[in-house]
Amino acid sequence: MDKIIAALDGLQYSESTRDYAIALAHHSKAHLVGVFLDDPTYTSYKIYEMVEQGGISEDKIRHLETNDKNTRAKAADDFEKTCQQAAIDYSLHHDRKIAIQELKHESIYADLMVIDSKETLSHYEEKIPTRFIRELLGDVQCPVLVAPRKYKPI
């Protein structure tokens, strides 16, 4: 294998996905790309959280957006540090468009994709396989390892 993609949600960061991807990249001496799905339509907060008495608060919006930005940055930093500790060849990529479309496009150039089994890119819990995973698997262009929530060495 030459290229492995770790599909990661910076707001609900999956350490299991990170660990499986790093282990596989280390074992196969592949380049690992951490694809962070920073879809602008997906936030950690719900619309009603922006509303205060008298309407929507600009200060509250800025505060919530800053929290999301910091959470995503912390996840990317953790991924980068863990890759450095594992001494593997890696890079980071932030997709800031519609996540499912960007991930399908990224799969064209990959030998393997690793993604969390519970990935939804939404606020809602879903049964496995989630709608996001079903849609991804229906049109992906490379093999996919759907990682469980807890990492167990292969």
N, C-alpha and C. Protein backbone atom coordinates (compact mmCIF):
# COMPACT_ATOMS: atom_id res chain seq x y z
N MET A 1 0.85 -1.18 0.00
CA MET A 1 0.00 0.00 0.00
C MET A 1 0.89 1.23 0.00
N ASP A 2 0.41 2.24 -0.71
CA ASP A 2 1.15 3.50 -0.76
C ASP A 2 0.49 4.61 0.06
N LYS A 3 -0.86 4.64 0.06
CA LYS A 3 -1.55 5.75 0.72
C LYS A 3 -2.77 5.24 1.48
N ILE A 4 -2.83 5.62 2.76
CA ILE A 4 -3.97 5.29 3.61
C ILE A 4 -4.60 6.60 4.07
N ILE A 5 -5.92 6.64 4.03
CA ILE A 5 -6.66 7.81 4.50
C ILE A 5 -7.30 7.47 5.84
N ALA A 6 -7.13 8.35 6.81
CA ALA A 6 -7.86 8.27 8.07
C ALA A 6 -8.90 9.38 8.01
N ALA A 7 -10.16 9.02 7.86
CA ALA A 7 -11.25 9.99 7.78
C ALA A 7 -11.67 10.35 9.20
N LEU A 8 -11.45 11.62 9.58
CA LEU A 8 -11.65 12.03 10.96
C LEU A 8 -12.58 13.23 11.08
N ASP A 9 -13.41 13.18 12.08
CA ASP A 9 -14.30 14.28 12.44
C ASP A 9 -13.63 15.02 13.59
N GLY A 10 -13.20 16.24 13.35
CA GLY A 10 -12.50 17.01 14.37
C GLY A 10 -13.35 17.36 15.57
N LEU A 11 -14.68 17.32 15.42
CA LEU A 11 -15.57 17.66 16.54
C LEU A 11 -15.89 16.44 17.39
N GLN A 12 -15.83 15.26 16.79
CA GLN A 12 -16.04 14.01 17.54
C GLN A 12 -14.91 13.07 17.16
N TYR A 13 -13.72 13.45 17.57
CA TYR A 13 -12.47 12.80 17.18
C TYR A 13 -12.43 11.35 17.63
N SER A 14 -12.10 10.46 16.71
CA SER A 14 -12.03 9.03 17.00
C SER A 14 -10.58 8.60 17.15
N GLU A 15 -10.17 8.37 18.39
CA GLU A 15 -8.81 7.88 18.64
C GLU A 15 -8.64 6.47 18.07
N SER A 16 -9.70 5.71 18.03
CA SER A 16 -9.64 4.36 17.47
C SER A 16 -9.29 4.41 15.98
N THR A 17 -9.93 5.30 15.23
CA THR A 17 -9.61 5.46 13.81
C THR A 17 -8.16 5.86 13.65
N ARG A 18 -7.73 6.81 14.45
CA ARG A 18 -6.33 7.26 14.42
C ARG A 18 -5.39 6.08 14.66
N ASP A 19 -5.66 5.29 15.69
CA ASP A 19 -4.77 4.20 16.07
C ASP A 19 -4.73 3.08 15.02
N TYR A 20 -5.89 2.72 14.46
CA TYR A 20 -5.90 1.71 13.41
C TYR A 20 -5.14 2.21 12.18
N ALA A 21 -5.37 3.44 11.79
CA ALA A 21 -4.70 3.99 10.60
C ALA A 21 -3.19 4.05 10.80
N ILE A 22 -2.75 4.48 11.97
CA ILE A 22 -1.32 4.57 12.24
C ILE A 22 -0.69 3.17 12.26
N ALA A 23 -1.35 2.22 12.88
CA ALA A 23 -0.81 0.86 12.93
C ALA A 23 -0.68 0.28 11.52
N LEU A 24 -1.68 0.47 10.70
CA LEU A 24 -1.64 -0.05 9.33
C LEU A 24 -0.58 0.66 8.49
N ALA A 25 -0.47 1.97 8.65
CA ALA A 25 0.54 2.73 7.91
C ALA A 25 1.94 2.32 8.34
N HIS A 26 2.12 2.10 9.62
CA HIS A 26 3.42 1.68 10.14
C HIS A 26 3.79 0.30 9.59
N HIS A 27 2.84 -0.61 9.65
CA HIS A 27 3.08 -1.98 9.20
C HIS A 27 3.38 -2.05 7.70
N SER A 28 2.66 -1.27 6.90
CA SER A 28 2.82 -1.35 5.44
C SER A 28 3.76 -0.28 4.89
N LYS A 29 4.30 0.55 5.78
CA LYS A 29 5.20 1.65 5.40
C LYS A 29 4.53 2.57 4.37
N ALA A 30 3.26 2.83 4.58
CA ALA A 30 2.46 3.67 3.68
C ALA A 30 2.42 5.11 4.20
N HIS A 31 2.09 6.02 3.29
CA HIS A 31 1.88 7.42 3.66
C HIS A 31 0.46 7.52 4.23
N LEU A 32 0.32 8.12 5.39
CA LEU A 32 -0.98 8.28 6.04
C LEU A 32 -1.45 9.72 5.89
N VAL A 33 -2.66 9.88 5.39
CA VAL A 33 -3.25 11.21 5.26
C VAL A 33 -4.42 11.30 6.24
N GLY A 34 -4.30 12.22 7.18
CA GLY A 34 -5.40 12.49 8.10
C GLY A 34 -6.33 13.49 7.44
N VAL A 35 -7.47 13.01 6.97
CA VAL A 35 -8.46 13.86 6.31
C VAL A 35 -9.47 14.30 7.35
N PHE A 36 -9.39 15.57 7.70
CA PHE A 36 -10.32 16.12 8.68
C PHE A 36 -11.51 16.72 7.96
N LEU A 37 -12.68 16.20 8.28
CA LEU A 37 -13.91 16.58 7.60
C LEU A 37 -14.52 17.81 8.27
N ASP A 38 -14.05 18.98 7.85
CA ASP A 38 -14.49 20.25 8.44
C ASP A 38 -15.62 20.85 7.63
N ASP A 39 -16.68 20.08 7.45
CA ASP A 39 -17.85 20.49 6.69
C ASP A 39 -18.46 21.74 7.33
N PRO A 40 -18.61 22.85 6.58
CA PRO A 40 -19.13 24.08 7.17
C PRO A 40 -20.59 23.98 7.62
N THR A 41 -21.32 22.99 7.12
CA THR A 41 -22.71 22.83 7.53
C THR A 41 -22.85 22.03 8.81
N TYR A 42 -21.73 21.53 9.33
CA TYR A 42 -21.73 20.68 10.52
C TYR A 42 -21.03 21.40 11.66
N THR A 43 -21.73 21.58 12.75
CA THR A 43 -21.18 22.24 13.94
C THR A 43 -21.50 21.39 15.17
N SER A 44 -20.87 21.71 16.27
CA SER A 44 -21.14 20.97 17.51
C SER A 44 -22.39 21.49 18.21
N TYR A 45 -22.86 22.63 17.79
CA TYR A 45 -24.01 23.26 18.44
C TYR A 45 -25.24 23.21 17.53
N LYS A 46 -26.37 23.35 18.17
CA LYS A 46 -27.64 23.37 17.43
C LYS A 46 -28.11 24.82 17.29
N ILE A 47 -28.94 25.06 16.34
CA ILE A 47 -29.41 26.41 16.03
C ILE A 47 -30.01 27.09 17.26
N TYR A 48 -30.80 26.37 18.03
CA TYR A 48 -31.47 26.99 19.18
C TYR A 48 -30.49 27.46 20.24
N GLU A 49 -29.26 26.96 20.23
CA GLU A 49 -28.26 27.39 21.21
C GLU A 49 -27.78 28.82 20.95
N MET A 50 -28.00 29.32 19.74
CA MET A 50 -27.56 30.67 19.39
C MET A 50 -28.57 31.73 19.84
N VAL A 51 -29.77 31.29 20.16
CA VAL A 51 -30.85 32.23 20.47
C VAL A 51 -30.83 32.61 21.94
N GLU A 52 -30.92 33.88 22.18
CA GLU A 52 -31.08 34.41 23.54
C GLU A 52 -32.32 35.29 23.52
N GLN A 53 -32.66 35.84 24.65
CA GLN A 53 -33.81 36.74 24.69
C GLN A 53 -33.59 37.87 23.70
N GLY A 54 -34.57 38.10 22.86
CA GLY A 54 -34.46 39.18 21.89
C GLY A 54 -33.88 38.76 20.55
N GLY A 55 -33.56 37.50 20.36
CA GLY A 55 -33.07 37.05 19.06
C GLY A 55 -31.74 36.33 19.13
N ILE A 56 -31.08 36.30 17.98
CA ILE A 56 -29.81 35.61 17.87
C ILE A 56 -28.68 36.51 18.34
N SER A 57 -27.83 35.99 19.18
CA SER A 57 -26.72 36.75 19.75
C SER A 57 -25.46 36.56 18.92
N GLU A 58 -24.93 37.66 18.39
CA GLU A 58 -23.68 37.60 17.61
C GLU A 58 -22.52 37.13 18.49
N ASP A 59 -22.51 37.57 19.74
CA ASP A 59 -21.45 37.15 20.66
C ASP A 59 -21.50 35.64 20.90
N LYS A 60 -22.70 35.14 21.06
CA LYS A 60 -22.87 33.70 21.29
C LYS A 60 -22.41 32.91 20.06
N ILE A 61 -22.74 33.39 18.87
CA ILE A 61 -22.33 32.72 17.63
C ILE A 61 -20.80 32.68 17.55
N ARG A 62 -20.16 33.82 17.81
CA ARG A 62 -18.69 33.87 17.78
C ARG A 62 -18.08 32.91 18.80
N HIS A 63 -18.66 32.87 19.98
CA HIS A 63 -18.17 31.98 21.04
C HIS A 63 -18.29 30.51 20.61
N LEU A 64 -19.44 30.12 20.08
CA LEU A 64 -19.66 28.73 19.65
C LEU A 64 -18.74 28.36 18.49
N GLU A 65 -18.57 29.28 17.54
CA GLU A 65 -17.70 29.02 16.40
C GLU A 65 -16.23 28.91 16.83
N THR A 66 -15.83 29.73 17.79
CA THR A 66 -14.47 29.66 18.32
C THR A 66 -14.23 28.32 19.01
N ASN A 67 -15.22 27.87 19.79
CA ASN A 67 -15.11 26.56 20.46
C ASN A 67 -14.92 25.44 19.44
N ASP A 68 -15.72 25.48 18.35
CA ASP A 68 -15.59 24.45 17.31
C ASP A 68 -14.22 24.50 16.66
N LYS A 69 -13.75 25.70 16.37
CA LYS A 69 -12.43 25.87 15.74
C LYS A 69 -11.33 25.31 16.64
N ASN A 70 -11.41 25.60 17.93
CA ASN A 70 -10.42 25.10 18.88
C ASN A 70 -10.47 23.58 19.03
N THR A 71 -11.66 23.03 19.04
CA THR A 71 -11.83 21.58 19.15
C THR A 71 -11.23 20.88 17.94
N ARG A 72 -11.50 21.42 16.75
CA ARG A 72 -10.94 20.84 15.52
C ARG A 72 -9.41 20.95 15.51
N ALA A 73 -8.89 22.08 15.95
CA ALA A 73 -7.43 22.28 15.98
C ALA A 73 -6.77 21.31 16.96
N LYS A 74 -7.40 21.09 18.10
CA LYS A 74 -6.87 20.17 19.10
C LYS A 74 -6.83 18.74 18.54
N ALA A 75 -7.86 18.34 17.81
CA ALA A 75 -7.90 17.01 17.21
C ALA A 75 -6.79 16.85 16.18
N ALA A 76 -6.60 17.84 15.32
CA ALA A 76 -5.54 17.78 14.31
C ALA A 76 -4.17 17.73 14.96
N ASP A 77 -4.00 18.49 16.04
CA ASP A 77 -2.73 18.50 16.77
C ASP A 77 -2.45 17.13 17.38
N ASP A 78 -3.47 16.50 17.95
CA ASP A 78 -3.31 15.17 18.54
C ASP A 78 -2.92 14.16 17.46
N PHE A 79 -3.57 14.23 16.31
CA PHE A 79 -3.25 13.31 15.21
C PHE A 79 -1.80 13.49 14.78
N GLU A 80 -1.39 14.74 14.62
CA GLU A 80 -0.03 15.03 14.18
C GLU A 80 1.01 14.53 15.19
N LYS A 81 0.79 14.81 16.46
CA LYS A 81 1.73 14.37 17.50
C LYS A 81 1.83 12.85 17.57
N THR A 82 0.70 12.17 17.45
CA THR A 82 0.70 10.71 17.51
C THR A 82 1.43 10.11 16.30
N CYS A 83 1.25 10.71 15.14
CA CYS A 83 1.97 10.25 13.94
C CYS A 83 3.47 10.46 14.10
N GLN A 84 3.86 11.58 14.66
CA GLN A 84 5.28 11.85 14.88
C GLN A 84 5.87 10.84 15.85
N GLN A 85 5.15 10.53 16.92
CA GLN A 85 5.62 9.55 17.90
C GLN A 85 5.77 8.16 17.28
N ALA A 86 4.89 7.84 16.32
CA ALA A 86 4.94 6.54 15.66
C ALA A 86 6.00 6.51 14.55
N ALA A 87 6.58 7.66 14.24
CA ALA A 87 7.63 7.79 13.21
C ALA A 87 7.15 7.29 11.85
N ILE A 88 5.96 7.73 11.45
CA ILE A 88 5.44 7.35 10.13
C ILE A 88 5.39 8.58 9.23
N ASP A 89 5.30 8.32 7.93
CA ASP A 89 5.15 9.37 6.94
C ASP A 89 3.67 9.76 6.92
N TYR A 90 3.38 11.03 7.14
CA TYR A 90 1.98 11.45 7.24
C TYR A 90 1.81 12.87 6.70
N SER A 91 0.56 13.23 6.48
CA SER A 91 0.20 14.61 6.16
C SER A 91 -1.22 14.84 6.65
N LEU A 92 -1.58 16.10 6.78
CA LEU A 92 -2.93 16.50 7.19
C LEU A 92 -3.62 17.17 6.03
N HIS A 93 -4.90 16.93 5.93
CA HIS A 93 -5.71 17.59 4.90
C HIS A 93 -7.04 17.96 5.53
N HIS A 94 -7.43 19.21 5.37
CA HIS A 94 -8.71 19.67 5.90
C HIS A 94 -9.66 19.88 4.73
N ASP A 95 -10.73 19.09 4.70
CA ASP A 95 -11.77 19.25 3.68
C ASP A 95 -12.83 20.18 4.25
N ARG A 96 -12.97 21.33 3.63
CA ARG A 96 -13.91 22.33 4.13
C ARG A 96 -15.13 22.48 3.22
N LYS A 97 -15.48 21.40 2.56
CA LYS A 97 -16.66 21.38 1.70
C LYS A 97 -17.59 20.29 2.23
N ILE A 98 -18.57 19.91 1.45
CA ILE A 98 -19.51 18.88 1.87
C ILE A 98 -18.74 17.58 2.09
N ALA A 99 -18.75 17.07 3.30
CA ALA A 99 -17.88 15.99 3.74
C ALA A 99 -18.00 14.72 2.90
N ILE A 100 -19.20 14.25 2.66
CA ILE A 100 -19.36 12.98 1.96
C ILE A 100 -18.81 13.05 0.55
N GLN A 101 -19.03 14.18 -0.13
CA GLN A 101 -18.53 14.33 -1.50
C GLN A 101 -17.00 14.40 -1.52
N GLU A 102 -16.42 15.13 -0.59
CA GLU A 102 -14.97 15.26 -0.52
C GLU A 102 -14.31 13.93 -0.18
N LEU A 103 -14.91 13.18 0.71
CA LEU A 103 -14.34 11.90 1.11
C LEU A 103 -14.39 10.89 -0.04
N LYS A 104 -15.48 10.88 -0.77
CA LYS A 104 -15.56 10.00 -1.95
C LYS A 104 -14.49 10.38 -2.97
N HIS A 105 -14.27 11.67 -3.16
CA HIS A 105 -13.24 12.13 -4.09
C HIS A 105 -11.85 11.72 -3.61
N GLU A 106 -11.59 11.88 -2.32
CA GLU A 106 -10.29 11.50 -1.75
C GLU A 106 -10.02 10.01 -1.95
N SER A 107 -11.07 9.19 -1.92
CA SER A 107 -10.91 7.74 -2.02
C SER A 107 -10.37 7.30 -3.38
N ILE A 108 -10.50 8.13 -4.39
CA ILE A 108 -9.99 7.81 -5.73
C ILE A 108 -8.49 7.60 -5.68
N TYR A 109 -7.80 8.35 -4.83
CA TYR A 109 -6.34 8.35 -4.79
C TYR A 109 -5.77 7.55 -3.62
N ALA A 110 -6.58 6.74 -2.98
CA ALA A 110 -6.12 6.01 -1.80
C ALA A 110 -6.16 4.50 -2.02
N ASP A 111 -5.33 3.80 -1.25
CA ASP A 111 -5.33 2.34 -1.28
C ASP A 111 -6.21 1.76 -0.18
N LEU A 112 -6.48 2.57 0.85
CA LEU A 112 -7.32 2.13 1.96
C LEU A 112 -7.83 3.36 2.70
N MET A 113 -9.06 3.27 3.20
CA MET A 113 -9.63 4.32 4.03
C MET A 113 -10.02 3.70 5.37
N VAL A 114 -9.73 4.41 6.45
CA VAL A 114 -10.13 3.98 7.78
C VAL A 114 -11.09 5.03 8.32
N ILE A 115 -12.25 4.57 8.81
CA ILE A 115 -13.26 5.48 9.33
C ILE A 115 -13.97 4.81 10.50
N ASP A 116 -14.40 5.62 11.46
CA ASP A 116 -15.11 5.13 12.65
C ASP A 116 -16.47 4.57 12.27
N SER A 117 -16.82 3.44 12.88
CA SER A 117 -18.10 2.78 12.58
C SER A 117 -19.31 3.62 12.95
N LYS A 118 -19.14 4.55 13.89
CA LYS A 118 -20.26 5.36 14.34
C LYS A 118 -20.26 6.76 13.73
N GLU A 119 -19.45 6.98 12.69
CA GLU A 119 -19.36 8.30 12.09
C GLU A 119 -20.71 8.73 11.51
N THR A 120 -21.15 9.92 11.89
CA THR A 120 -22.41 10.45 11.39
C THR A 120 -22.25 11.85 10.80
N LEU A 121 -21.27 12.60 11.28
CA LEU A 121 -21.12 14.01 10.95
C LEU A 121 -22.44 14.75 11.19
N SER A 122 -23.06 14.42 12.30
CA SER A 122 -24.29 15.10 12.71
C SER A 122 -24.38 15.07 14.23
N HIS A 123 -25.40 15.70 14.76
CA HIS A 123 -25.62 15.76 16.20
C HIS A 123 -26.28 14.49 16.74
N TYR A 124 -26.78 13.66 15.86
CA TYR A 124 -27.66 12.58 16.28
C TYR A 124 -26.95 11.23 16.30
N GLU A 125 -27.28 10.44 17.32
CA GLU A 125 -26.81 9.06 17.39
C GLU A 125 -27.63 8.25 16.40
N GLU A 126 -26.97 7.31 15.74
CA GLU A 126 -27.66 6.45 14.79
C GLU A 126 -27.23 5.01 15.01
N LYS A 127 -28.07 4.09 14.55
CA LYS A 127 -27.70 2.68 14.59
C LYS A 127 -26.58 2.44 13.57
N ILE A 128 -25.74 1.45 13.87
CA ILE A 128 -24.68 1.07 12.95
C ILE A 128 -25.25 0.12 11.91
N PRO A 129 -24.98 0.26 10.64
CA PRO A 129 -24.18 1.31 10.02
C PRO A 129 -24.99 2.61 9.90
N THR A 130 -24.32 3.71 10.15
CA THR A 130 -24.99 5.01 10.09
C THR A 130 -25.31 5.37 8.64
N ARG A 131 -26.18 6.34 8.48
CA ARG A 131 -26.54 6.82 7.15
C ARG A 131 -25.29 7.29 6.40
N PHE A 132 -24.39 8.00 7.10
CA PHE A 132 -23.17 8.51 6.49
C PHE A 132 -22.30 7.35 5.99
N ILE A 133 -22.13 6.32 6.79
CA ILE A 133 -21.32 5.17 6.41
C ILE A 133 -21.96 4.43 5.24
N ARG A 134 -23.28 4.24 5.29
CA ARG A 134 -23.96 3.54 4.18
C ARG A 134 -23.79 4.29 2.87
N GLU A 135 -23.93 5.61 2.92
CA GLU A 135 -23.77 6.41 1.71
C GLU A 135 -22.33 6.37 1.21
N LEU A 136 -21.38 6.43 2.12
CA LEU A 136 -19.97 6.37 1.74
C LEU A 136 -19.64 5.03 1.09
N LEU A 137 -20.04 3.93 1.72
CA LEU A 137 -19.71 2.61 1.21
C LEU A 137 -20.36 2.32 -0.13
N GLY A 138 -21.46 2.97 -0.41
CA GLY A 138 -22.16 2.77 -1.68
C GLY A 138 -21.42 3.33 -2.88
N ASP A 139 -20.46 4.22 -2.66
CA ASP A 139 -19.84 4.89 -3.81
C ASP A 139 -18.35 5.17 -3.60
N VAL A 140 -17.72 4.50 -2.66
CA VAL A 140 -16.30 4.74 -2.37
C VAL A 140 -15.44 4.04 -3.43
N GLN A 141 -14.24 4.55 -3.65
CA GLN A 141 -13.38 4.04 -4.72
C GLN A 141 -12.18 3.24 -4.22
N CYS A 142 -12.14 2.92 -2.93
CA CYS A 142 -11.04 2.12 -2.38
C CYS A 142 -11.60 1.24 -1.26
N PRO A 143 -10.83 0.24 -0.82
CA PRO A 143 -11.28 -0.57 0.32
C PRO A 143 -11.41 0.31 1.57
N VAL A 144 -12.32 -0.08 2.45
CA VAL A 144 -12.58 0.69 3.67
C VAL A 144 -12.51 -0.23 4.88
N LEU A 145 -11.78 0.23 5.90
CA LEU A 145 -11.79 -0.45 7.19
C LEU A 145 -12.69 0.37 8.09
N VAL A 146 -13.82 -0.20 8.46
CA VAL A 146 -14.75 0.47 9.36
C VAL A 146 -14.32 0.09 10.78
N ALA A 147 -13.71 1.04 11.45
CA ALA A 147 -13.07 0.77 12.74
C ALA A 147 -14.07 0.78 13.89
N PRO A 148 -13.93 -0.18 14.80
CA PRO A 148 -14.77 -0.16 16.01
C PRO A 148 -14.37 1.00 16.92
N ARG A 149 -15.19 1.30 17.90
CA ARG A 149 -14.95 2.42 18.82
C ARG A 149 -13.70 2.22 19.66
N LYS A 150 -13.37 0.98 19.96
CA LYS A 150 -12.21 0.70 20.82
C LYS A 150 -11.15 -0.01 19.99
N TYR A 151 -9.93 0.51 20.07
CA TYR A 151 -8.81 -0.05 19.32
C TYR A 151 -8.33 -1.36 19.94
N LYS A 152 -8.15 -2.36 19.10
CA LYS A 152 -7.53 -3.63 19.49
C LYS A 152 -6.50 -3.93 18.41
N PRO A 153 -5.25 -4.17 18.79
CA PRO A 153 -4.22 -4.44 17.78
C PRO A 153 -4.63 -5.60 16.85
N ILE A 154 -4.28 -5.45 15.60
CA ILE A 154 -4.58 -6.48 14.61
C ILE A 154 -3.51 -7.55 14.71
